[in-house]
Every structure is written in structure tokens, then in C-alpha cells.
């Protein structure tokens, strides 16, 4: 099950999620138009009720949405890999890959309509695959398949978040987890090729009052809890979807309480 979970994550599977009964829907985007979204960078469009980011070269593709975030809430959407993540076919053969996607939560004061490294104040929950040799040499905290949390402090100031609990549980303070290393498995490109462009759900629960963020495993009834700063999350007025070096599409965006 763990191996399958990692395979799903590598290729960005997605699937639609129905809203559970008894929950209040506070925001909906069915992607028949771009209404309510502000493009900051990348090539964003809507087609067949999906939101597409079509550029494979945009390093900081981002699209923002104003969403009420007072009180605990859950974000639900789906994401599908479409293209990119490599520089050449030779790199593909050598499994030299680079790409990522994620969602900003608890955003306040984002630089709307403008490309930027950070996005105001908030947290970026990020999934990154980077097997480039130069990354291994110069930025080992980013090498491999990693689940990461960035803290954005301004449009130009964003870095991996740090926490005391990470030092105790991971052996380092930065919130950058090498997933295959933790799981004790090796994932090869040949393992995931048959599953390209399949789909998987994304569910993220945020409690601005406590700072607890929980991310659902897309293949099992498990939630991974990440304690963050409630003072940052409680000021959030926007959310954002983001990609780096890959084309991806998103669907069935919901925020429920």
C-alpha cells in the first residue's frame, strides 16, 4: 500500500471527491470559467470543467483565489499530470527529472496578478520531484521525491519552514521529507509510466485556531498532521494553486466546513 501511495504521488494522480453530507460548502469552482481566479504566472485556462496550467517551462506558475478562512476548513480538489518535468528525452532515459505542484494556504497580502517567488504571508504545501545532479550537489534538501512546507513571508521572501518537532522526529528542523527514504522503497520511472495521467484526490484540512494542517493520503484512510503557526494561518484571505516545470490540470475545487 505504501509503495502504491508513492507511485500515485509521483505522477500527480487525481479524482473528483463528492462533498460529504452535513458539511457546509463555503467555496466552489467548477472551472467552466476563470471567474474568481487571478493569474499571477503561467499559462492558465479552463477546458472541459478543468483548470489547466499548460506551460512546462514556467518555474513559478501560480493562480490565486480569495476564499474565506475564518474557522477550520477543508480544501478538496484534484490534480492530474499533463506534461513536462524533463529537459530532454535523454534526461527521461536517465531519469533526470524536475517538477512540482502545491497549494498555498493561509495567504494574506499576496502580490496579485504578478509573478513572484513567495506569495504574501502564508504556507506553501509542496510536492517536489528533483533528480538533477546539480540539485544533489548544491541543494540536497530538495533532492529526490519530497513533501515540503515553505513559509512565505513576502513576495520575495520564502524558504523551507522549520520546526522543533521536525528536529525531534526527522533529525533536521526543515520541513522537507524525502519520501522514498522514509518509506524504505525505491521508485523507478518504469514503475509509474503505466499510470501517467490517471487521477487521485487531494484533501487538506486547516485549523487556523490551532495551526494544525492535515493532508490526506490519496490511497488510504490516513491523514498526515503538520503543526504550523496559527498566527500566520488565521490571517489568511487567499489560497493559490502552483506548479513548477510541469503542465497540470485541476478539477472539482471545493472548500467545506
C-alpha atoms as a PDB file:
ATOM      1  CA  UNK A   1       0.000   0.000   0.000  1.00  0.00           C
ATOM      2  CA  UNK A   2       2.825   2.403   0.854  1.00  0.00           C
ATOM      3  CA  UNK A   3       4.577   1.701  -2.436  1.00  0.00           C
ATOM      4  CA  UNK A   4       1.370   2.357  -4.370  1.00  0.00           C
ATOM      5  CA  UNK A   5       0.881   5.592  -2.439  1.00  0.00           C
ATOM      6  CA  UNK A   6       4.295   6.830  -3.536  1.00  0.00           C
ATOM      7  CA  UNK A   7       3.637   5.884  -7.149  1.00  0.00           C
ATOM      8  CA  UNK A   8       0.414   7.850  -7.085  1.00  0.00           C
ATOM      9  CA  UNK A   9       2.170  10.913  -5.704  1.00  0.00           C
ATOM     10  CA  UNK A  10       4.969  10.852  -8.272  1.00  0.00           C
ATOM     11  CA  UNK A  11       2.649  11.240 -11.259  1.00  0.00           C
ATOM     12  CA  UNK A  12       0.130  13.598  -9.613  1.00  0.00           C
ATOM     13  CA  UNK A  13      -2.977  11.375  -9.899  1.00  0.00           C
ATOM     14  CA  UNK A  14      -6.371  12.991  -9.287  1.00  0.00           C
ATOM     15  CA  UNK A  15     -10.030  12.098  -8.915  1.00  0.00           C
ATOM     16  CA  UNK A  16     -13.178  14.050  -8.048  1.00  0.00           C
ATOM     17  CA  UNK A  17     -14.487  13.990  -4.468  1.00  0.00           C
ATOM     18  CA  UNK A  18     -18.125  14.376  -3.547  1.00  0.00           C
ATOM     19  CA  UNK A  19     -18.928  16.755  -0.718  1.00  0.00           C
ATOM     20  CA  UNK A  20     -19.799  14.799   2.415  1.00  0.00           C
ATOM     21  CA  UNK A  21     -23.252  15.212   3.838  1.00  0.00           C
ATOM     22  CA  UNK A  22     -23.589  17.504   6.814  1.00  0.00           C
ATOM     23  CA  UNK A  23     -20.792  19.828   5.708  1.00  0.00           C
ATOM     24  CA  UNK A  24     -21.219  23.422   4.589  1.00  0.00           C
ATOM     25  CA  UNK A  25     -19.715  24.370   1.243  1.00  0.00           C
ATOM     26  CA  UNK A  26     -18.128  27.815   1.557  1.00  0.00           C
ATOM     27  CA  UNK A  27     -16.498  27.973  -1.884  1.00  0.00           C
ATOM     28  CA  UNK A  28     -16.909  26.134  -5.199  1.00  0.00           C
ATOM     29  CA  UNK A  29     -15.049  26.310  -8.512  1.00  0.00           C
ATOM     30  CA  UNK A  30     -16.315  24.010 -11.279  1.00  0.00           C
ATOM     31  CA  UNK A  31     -13.914  25.543 -13.830  1.00  0.00           C
ATOM     32  CA  UNK A  32     -16.411  26.415 -16.520  1.00  0.00           C
ATOM     33  CA  UNK A  33     -14.808  29.887 -16.389  1.00  0.00           C
ATOM     34  CA  UNK A  34     -11.841  31.556 -14.675  1.00  0.00           C
ATOM     35  CA  UNK A  35     -14.183  33.775 -12.656  1.00  0.00           C
ATOM     36  CA  UNK A  36     -12.846  34.314  -9.151  1.00  0.00           C
ATOM     37  CA  UNK A  37      -9.267  33.351 -10.055  1.00  0.00           C
ATOM     38  CA  UNK A  38      -6.354  35.768 -10.570  1.00  0.00           C
ATOM     39  CA  UNK A  39      -3.495  34.560 -12.766  1.00  0.00           C
ATOM     40  CA  UNK A  40      -0.084  35.521 -11.378  1.00  0.00           C
ATOM     41  CA  UNK A  41       2.178  33.487 -13.695  1.00  0.00           C
ATOM     42  CA  UNK A  42       1.899  30.556 -16.096  1.00  0.00           C
ATOM     43  CA  UNK A  43      -0.480  29.656 -18.906  1.00  0.00           C
ATOM     44  CA  UNK A  44      -3.867  29.113 -17.224  1.00  0.00           C
ATOM     45  CA  UNK A  45      -7.143  28.302 -18.989  1.00  0.00           C
ATOM     46  CA  UNK A  46     -10.301  26.261 -18.491  1.00  0.00           C
ATOM     47  CA  UNK A  47     -11.496  23.374 -20.652  1.00  0.00           C
ATOM     48  CA  UNK A  48     -13.937  20.513 -20.020  1.00  0.00           C
ATOM     49  CA  UNK A  49     -14.510  21.722 -16.438  1.00  0.00           C
ATOM     50  CA  UNK A  50     -10.827  21.537 -15.623  1.00  0.00           C
ATOM     51  CA  UNK A  51      -8.356  24.286 -14.815  1.00  0.00           C
ATOM     52  CA  UNK A  52      -5.226  23.811 -16.938  1.00  0.00           C
ATOM     53  CA  UNK A  53      -1.742  25.196 -16.370  1.00  0.00           C
ATOM     54  CA  UNK A  54      -0.208  24.368 -19.769  1.00  0.00           C
ATOM     55  CA  UNK A  55       3.339  25.730 -19.542  1.00  0.00           C
ATOM     56  CA  UNK A  56       6.120  23.196 -18.956  1.00  0.00           C
ATOM     57  CA  UNK A  57       8.739  25.936 -18.557  1.00  0.00           C
ATOM     58  CA  UNK A  58       7.077  28.241 -16.024  1.00  0.00           C
ATOM     59  CA  UNK A  59       9.050  27.955 -12.776  1.00  0.00           C
ATOM     60  CA  UNK A  60       6.622  29.917 -10.595  1.00  0.00           C
ATOM     61  CA  UNK A  61       3.208  29.331 -12.182  1.00  0.00           C
ATOM     62  CA  UNK A  62       0.521  30.475  -9.747  1.00  0.00           C
ATOM     63  CA  UNK A  63      -3.166  31.324  -9.684  1.00  0.00           C
ATOM     64  CA  UNK A  64      -4.850  32.952  -6.667  1.00  0.00           C
ATOM     65  CA  UNK A  65      -8.371  32.876  -5.278  1.00  0.00           C
ATOM     66  CA  UNK A  66      -9.954  34.831  -2.435  1.00  0.00           C
ATOM     67  CA  UNK A  67     -11.505  32.315  -0.021  1.00  0.00           C
ATOM     68  CA  UNK A  68     -12.958  32.797   3.498  1.00  0.00           C
ATOM     69  CA  UNK A  69     -10.644  31.116   6.025  1.00  0.00           C
ATOM     70  CA  UNK A  70     -12.057  32.072   9.405  1.00  0.00           C
ATOM     71  CA  UNK A  71     -12.524  28.822  11.313  1.00  0.00           C
ATOM     72  CA  UNK A  72     -11.468  25.272  10.448  1.00  0.00           C
ATOM     73  CA  UNK A  73     -11.982  24.228   6.812  1.00  0.00           C
ATOM     74  CA  UNK A  74     -11.112  21.521   4.304  1.00  0.00           C
ATOM     75  CA  UNK A  75      -9.823  22.082   0.752  1.00  0.00           C
ATOM     76  CA  UNK A  76     -10.739  19.454  -1.845  1.00  0.00           C
ATOM     77  CA  UNK A  77      -9.555  19.403  -5.425  1.00  0.00           C
ATOM     78  CA  UNK A  78      -7.983  17.074  -7.938  1.00  0.00           C
ATOM     79  CA  UNK A  79      -4.797  17.393  -9.953  1.00  0.00           C
ATOM     80  CA  UNK A  80      -3.559  15.499 -12.991  1.00  0.00           C
ATOM     81  CA  UNK A  81      -0.105  15.465 -14.570  1.00  0.00           C
ATOM     82  CA  UNK A  82      -0.293  16.564 -18.210  1.00  0.00           C
ATOM     83  CA  UNK A  83       3.259  17.129 -19.498  1.00  0.00           C
ATOM     84  CA  UNK A  84       6.793  18.254 -18.676  1.00  0.00           C
ATOM     85  CA  UNK A  85       9.194  17.694 -15.820  1.00  0.00           C
ATOM     86  CA  UNK A  86      12.211  16.952 -18.054  1.00  0.00           C
ATOM     87  CA  UNK A  87      14.614  18.863 -20.288  1.00  0.00           C
ATOM     88  CA  UNK A  88      15.158  16.233 -22.995  1.00  0.00           C
ATOM     89  CA  UNK A  89      14.339  12.649 -23.925  1.00  0.00           C
ATOM     90  CA  UNK A  90      17.870  11.726 -22.910  1.00  0.00           C
ATOM     91  CA  UNK A  91      17.142  13.094 -19.440  1.00  0.00           C
ATOM     92  CA  UNK A  92      13.996  10.984 -19.329  1.00  0.00           C
ATOM     93  CA  UNK A  93      16.008   7.864 -20.211  1.00  0.00           C
ATOM     94  CA  UNK A  94      18.461   8.751 -17.437  1.00  0.00           C
ATOM     95  CA  UNK A  95      15.612   9.588 -15.030  1.00  0.00           C
ATOM     96  CA  UNK A  96      16.797  13.184 -14.588  1.00  0.00           C
ATOM     97  CA  UNK A  97      13.512  14.868 -13.712  1.00  0.00           C
ATOM     98  CA  UNK A  98      12.287  18.064 -12.088  1.00  0.00           C
ATOM     99  CA  UNK A  99       8.753  19.232 -11.376  1.00  0.00           C
ATOM    100  CA  UNK A 100       6.367  20.034  -8.595  1.00  0.00           C
ATOM    101  CA  UNK A 101       2.945  21.281  -7.607  1.00  0.00           C
ATOM    102  CA  UNK A 102       1.271  22.529  -4.477  1.00  0.00           C
ATOM    103  CA  UNK A 103      -1.231  24.770  -2.767  1.00  0.00           C
ATOM    104  CA  UNK A 104      -0.700  27.941  -0.742  1.00  0.00           C
ATOM    105  CA  UNK A 105      -2.915  28.164   2.358  1.00  0.00           C
ATOM    106  CA  UNK A 106      -3.478  30.977   4.833  1.00  0.00           C
ATOM    107  CA  UNK A 107      -2.322  33.606   2.355  1.00  0.00           C
ATOM    108  CA  UNK A 108      -2.505  37.264   3.262  1.00  0.00           C
ATOM    109  CA  UNK A 109      -1.278  40.203   1.162  1.00  0.00           C
ATOM    110  CA  UNK A 110      -0.359  38.212  -1.966  1.00  0.00           C
ATOM    111  CA  UNK A 111       1.050  40.113  -4.932  1.00  0.00           C
ATOM    112  CA  UNK A 112      -1.989  39.565  -7.163  1.00  0.00           C
ATOM    113  CA  UNK A 113      -1.510  39.377 -10.911  1.00  0.00           C
ATOM    114  CA  UNK A 114       2.296  39.382 -10.723  1.00  0.00           C
ATOM    115  CA  UNK A 115       4.872  36.599 -10.862  1.00  0.00           C
ATOM    116  CA  UNK A 116       6.711  36.255  -7.549  1.00  0.00           C
ATOM    117  CA  UNK A 117       8.775  33.692  -5.650  1.00  0.00           C
ATOM    118  CA  UNK A 118       6.689  33.958  -2.487  1.00  0.00           C
ATOM    119  CA  UNK A 119       3.045  34.940  -2.213  1.00  0.00           C
ATOM    120  CA  UNK A 120       2.478  37.320   0.670  1.00  0.00           C
ATOM    121  CA  UNK A 121       2.342  35.651   4.086  1.00  0.00           C
ATOM    122  CA  UNK A 122       1.275  32.017   4.374  1.00  0.00           C
ATOM    123  CA  UNK A 123       2.366  28.424   3.796  1.00  0.00           C
ATOM    124  CA  UNK A 124       3.015  26.513   0.589  1.00  0.00           C
ATOM    125  CA  UNK A 125       2.336  22.774   0.842  1.00  0.00           C
ATOM    126  CA  UNK A 126       4.554  21.413  -1.904  1.00  0.00           C
ATOM    127  CA  UNK A 127       5.292  18.073  -3.587  1.00  0.00           C
ATOM    128  CA  UNK A 128       8.583  18.131  -5.471  1.00  0.00           C
ATOM    129  CA  UNK A 129      10.439  15.618  -7.638  1.00  0.00           C
ATOM    130  CA  UNK A 130      14.013  16.653  -8.430  1.00  0.00           C
ATOM    131  CA  UNK A 131      16.649  14.124  -9.514  1.00  0.00           C
ATOM    132  CA  UNK A 132      19.019  16.559 -11.254  1.00  0.00           C
ATOM    133  CA  UNK A 133      22.704  16.027 -10.367  1.00  0.00           C
ATOM    134  CA  UNK A 134      23.204  19.738  -9.705  1.00  0.00           C
ATOM    135  CA  UNK A 135      20.458  19.624  -7.082  1.00  0.00           C
ATOM    136  CA  UNK A 136      22.120  16.696  -5.320  1.00  0.00           C
ATOM    137  CA  UNK A 137      25.410  18.629  -5.254  1.00  0.00           C
ATOM    138  CA  UNK A 138      24.159  22.086  -4.300  1.00  0.00           C
ATOM    139  CA  UNK A 139      20.696  21.690  -2.691  1.00  0.00           C
ATOM    140  CA  UNK A 140      20.455  18.259  -1.032  1.00  0.00           C
ATOM    141  CA  UNK A 141      17.406  19.387   0.985  1.00  0.00           C
ATOM    142  CA  UNK A 142      15.480  19.392  -2.308  1.00  0.00           C
ATOM    143  CA  UNK A 143      16.853  16.252  -3.975  1.00  0.00           C
ATOM    144  CA  UNK A 144      14.566  13.274  -4.630  1.00  0.00           C
ATOM    145  CA  UNK A 145      10.827  12.987  -4.133  1.00  0.00           C
ATOM    146  CA  UNK A 146       9.929  15.291  -1.271  1.00  0.00           C
ATOM    147  CA  UNK A 147       6.930  16.532   0.648  1.00  0.00           C
ATOM    148  CA  UNK A 148       7.798  20.075   1.725  1.00  0.00           C
ATOM    149  CA  UNK A 149       6.343  23.048   3.573  1.00  0.00           C
ATOM    150  CA  UNK A 150       7.521  26.552   2.682  1.00  0.00           C
ATOM    151  CA  UNK A 151       6.811  29.615   4.781  1.00  0.00           C
ATOM    152  CA  UNK A 152       6.174  32.668   2.636  1.00  0.00           C
ATOM    153  CA  UNK A 153       6.828  35.982   4.366  1.00  0.00           C
ATOM    154  CA  UNK A 154       6.554  38.301   1.360  1.00  0.00           C
ATOM    155  CA  UNK A 155       6.551  38.109  -2.449  1.00  0.00           C
ATOM    156  CA  UNK A 156      10.368  37.853  -2.424  1.00  0.00           C
ATOM    157  CA  UNK A 157      10.978  36.007   0.862  1.00  0.00           C
ATOM    158  CA  UNK A 158      10.022  32.320   1.006  1.00  0.00           C
ATOM    159  CA  UNK A 159      12.010  29.351   2.317  1.00  0.00           C
ATOM    160  CA  UNK A 160      11.514  25.912   3.797  1.00  0.00           C
ATOM    161  CA  UNK A 161       9.719  26.186   7.117  1.00  0.00           C
ATOM    162  CA  UNK A 162      11.462  24.912  10.236  1.00  0.00           C
ATOM    163  CA  UNK A 163      10.044  23.396  13.403  1.00  0.00           C
ATOM    164  CA  UNK A 164      11.341  21.926  16.653  1.00  0.00           C
ATOM    165  CA  UNK A 165       9.151  18.845  16.226  1.00  0.00           C
ATOM    166  CA  UNK A 166      10.811  18.133  12.867  1.00  0.00           C
ATOM    167  CA  UNK A 167      14.216  18.130  14.541  1.00  0.00           C
ATOM    168  CA  UNK A 168      12.976  15.519  17.005  1.00  0.00           C
ATOM    169  CA  UNK A 169      11.103  13.324  14.533  1.00  0.00           C
ATOM    170  CA  UNK A 170      13.068  13.771  11.284  1.00  0.00           C
ATOM    171  CA  UNK A 171      16.560  14.534  12.541  1.00  0.00           C
ATOM    172  CA  UNK A 172      16.555  18.006  10.938  1.00  0.00           C
ATOM    173  CA  UNK A 173      14.488  21.119  11.500  1.00  0.00           C
ATOM    174  CA  UNK A 174      13.479  21.851   7.895  1.00  0.00           C
ATOM    175  CA  UNK A 175      10.092  20.586   6.717  1.00  0.00           C
ATOM    176  CA  UNK A 176      11.431  18.650   3.721  1.00  0.00           C
ATOM    177  CA  UNK A 177      10.756  14.913   3.817  1.00  0.00           C
ATOM    178  CA  UNK A 178      12.464  12.513   1.392  1.00  0.00           C
ATOM    179  CA  UNK A 179       9.511  10.172   0.891  1.00  0.00           C
ATOM    180  CA  UNK A 180      11.249   7.087  -0.591  1.00  0.00           C
ATOM    181  CA  UNK A 181      13.960   7.282   2.064  1.00  0.00           C
ATOM    182  CA  UNK A 182      11.413   7.428   4.883  1.00  0.00           C
ATOM    183  CA  UNK A 183       9.379   4.615   3.327  1.00  0.00           C
ATOM    184  CA  UNK A 184      12.407   2.465   2.606  1.00  0.00           C
ATOM    185  CA  UNK A 185      11.458   1.878  -1.045  1.00  0.00           C
ATOM    186  CA  UNK A 186      12.904   2.805  -4.432  1.00  0.00           C
ATOM    187  CA  UNK A 187      10.606   4.220  -7.092  1.00  0.00           C
ATOM    188  CA  UNK A 188      11.676   3.960 -10.737  1.00  0.00           C
ATOM    189  CA  UNK A 189      10.238   5.746 -13.738  1.00  0.00           C
ATOM    190  CA  UNK A 190       9.242   2.414 -15.255  1.00  0.00           C
ATOM    191  CA  UNK A 191       7.019   1.838 -12.220  1.00  0.00           C
ATOM    192  CA  UNK A 192       4.944   4.948 -12.855  1.00  0.00           C
ATOM    193  CA  UNK A 193       4.848   5.177 -16.651  1.00  0.00           C
ATOM    194  CA  UNK A 194       1.747   2.923 -16.966  1.00  0.00           C
ATOM    195  CA  UNK A 195      -0.147   5.246 -14.600  1.00  0.00           C
ATOM    196  CA  UNK A 196       0.579   8.603 -16.231  1.00  0.00           C
ATOM    197  CA  UNK A 197      -2.478  10.867 -16.463  1.00  0.00           C
ATOM    198  CA  UNK A 198      -4.531   8.831 -14.028  1.00  0.00           C
ATOM    199  CA  UNK A 199      -6.196  10.758 -11.222  1.00  0.00           C
ATOM    200  CA  UNK A 200      -6.173  10.967  -7.366  1.00  0.00           C
ATOM    201  CA  UNK A 201      -7.902  13.147  -4.723  1.00  0.00           C
ATOM    202  CA  UNK A 202      -6.288  15.907  -2.723  1.00  0.00           C
ATOM    203  CA  UNK A 203      -7.765  16.818   0.669  1.00  0.00           C
ATOM    204  CA  UNK A 204      -6.213  19.318   3.055  1.00  0.00           C
ATOM    205  CA  UNK A 205      -7.660  20.281   6.426  1.00  0.00           C
ATOM    206  CA  UNK A 206      -6.608  23.566   8.010  1.00  0.00           C
ATOM    207  CA  UNK A 207      -7.410  24.768  11.524  1.00  0.00           C
ATOM    208  CA  UNK A 208      -6.298  28.414  11.807  1.00  0.00           C
ATOM    209  CA  UNK A 209      -7.115  28.412  15.520  1.00  0.00           C
ATOM    210  CA  UNK A 210      -4.641  25.653  16.410  1.00  0.00           C
ATOM    211  CA  UNK A 211      -2.271  25.804  13.424  1.00  0.00           C
ATOM    212  CA  UNK A 212      -2.831  22.139  12.632  1.00  0.00           C
ATOM    213  CA  UNK A 213      -2.756  21.238   8.919  1.00  0.00           C
ATOM    214  CA  UNK A 214      -3.646  17.682   7.876  1.00  0.00           C
ATOM    215  CA  UNK A 215      -3.080  16.167   4.436  1.00  0.00           C
ATOM    216  CA  UNK A 216      -4.910  13.015   3.332  1.00  0.00           C
ATOM    217  CA  UNK A 217      -3.125  10.027   1.836  1.00  0.00           C
ATOM    218  CA  UNK A 218      -4.742   9.687  -1.624  1.00  0.00           C
ATOM    219  CA  UNK A 219      -4.795   5.868  -1.490  1.00  0.00           C
ATOM    220  CA  UNK A 220      -5.560   5.039   2.146  1.00  0.00           C
ATOM    221  CA  UNK A 221      -7.715   6.373   5.007  1.00  0.00           C
ATOM    222  CA  UNK A 222      -4.727   8.138   6.605  1.00  0.00           C
ATOM    223  CA  UNK A 223      -4.091  11.770   7.479  1.00  0.00           C
ATOM    224  CA  UNK A 224      -0.637  13.315   7.990  1.00  0.00           C
ATOM    225  CA  UNK A 225      -0.633  16.104  10.578  1.00  0.00           C
ATOM    226  CA  UNK A 226       1.645  19.157  10.325  1.00  0.00           C
ATOM    227  CA  UNK A 227       1.671  21.691  13.208  1.00  0.00           C
ATOM    228  CA  UNK A 228       2.206  25.219  11.835  1.00  0.00           C
ATOM    229  CA  UNK A 229       1.909  28.753  13.206  1.00  0.00           C
ATOM    230  CA  UNK A 230      -1.749  29.656  13.893  1.00  0.00           C
ATOM    231  CA  UNK A 231      -0.898  33.376  13.826  1.00  0.00           C
ATOM    232  CA  UNK A 232       0.037  33.030  10.144  1.00  0.00           C
ATOM    233  CA  UNK A 233      -2.921  30.832   9.153  1.00  0.00           C
ATOM    234  CA  UNK A 234      -5.503  32.940  10.982  1.00  0.00           C
ATOM    235  CA  UNK A 235      -4.744  35.967   8.792  1.00  0.00           C
ATOM    236  CA  UNK A 236      -5.403  34.082   5.542  1.00  0.00           C
ATOM    237  CA  UNK A 237      -7.678  35.632   2.916  1.00  0.00           C
ATOM    238  CA  UNK A 238      -6.438  33.844  -0.219  1.00  0.00           C
ATOM    239  CA  UNK A 239      -5.431  30.405  -1.484  1.00  0.00           C
ATOM    240  CA  UNK A 240      -3.305  29.630  -4.524  1.00  0.00           C
ATOM    241  CA  UNK A 241      -2.524  26.692  -6.801  1.00  0.00           C
ATOM    242  CA  UNK A 242       1.013  26.453  -8.076  1.00  0.00           C
ATOM    243  CA  UNK A 243       3.249  24.387 -10.403  1.00  0.00           C
ATOM    244  CA  UNK A 244       6.936  24.333 -11.331  1.00  0.00           C
ATOM    245  CA  UNK A 245       8.207  22.989 -14.692  1.00  0.00           C
ATOM    246  CA  UNK A 246       5.161  20.794 -15.324  1.00  0.00           C
ATOM    247  CA  UNK A 247       1.821  21.189 -17.031  1.00  0.00           C
ATOM    248  CA  UNK A 248      -1.043  20.039 -14.829  1.00  0.00           C
ATOM    249  CA  UNK A 249      -4.809  20.286 -14.638  1.00  0.00           C
ATOM    250  CA  UNK A 250      -7.103  20.696 -11.648  1.00  0.00           C
ATOM    251  CA  UNK A 251     -10.761  19.932 -11.088  1.00  0.00           C
ATOM    252  CA  UNK A 252     -13.668  19.977  -8.633  1.00  0.00           C
ATOM    253  CA  UNK A 253     -12.271  22.620  -6.285  1.00  0.00           C
ATOM    254  CA  UNK A 254     -14.254  22.797  -3.025  1.00  0.00           C
ATOM    255  CA  UNK A 255     -13.763  24.401   0.352  1.00  0.00           C
ATOM    256  CA  UNK A 256     -16.031  22.941   3.058  1.00  0.00           C
ATOM    257  CA  UNK A 257     -16.549  23.434   6.745  1.00  0.00           C
END
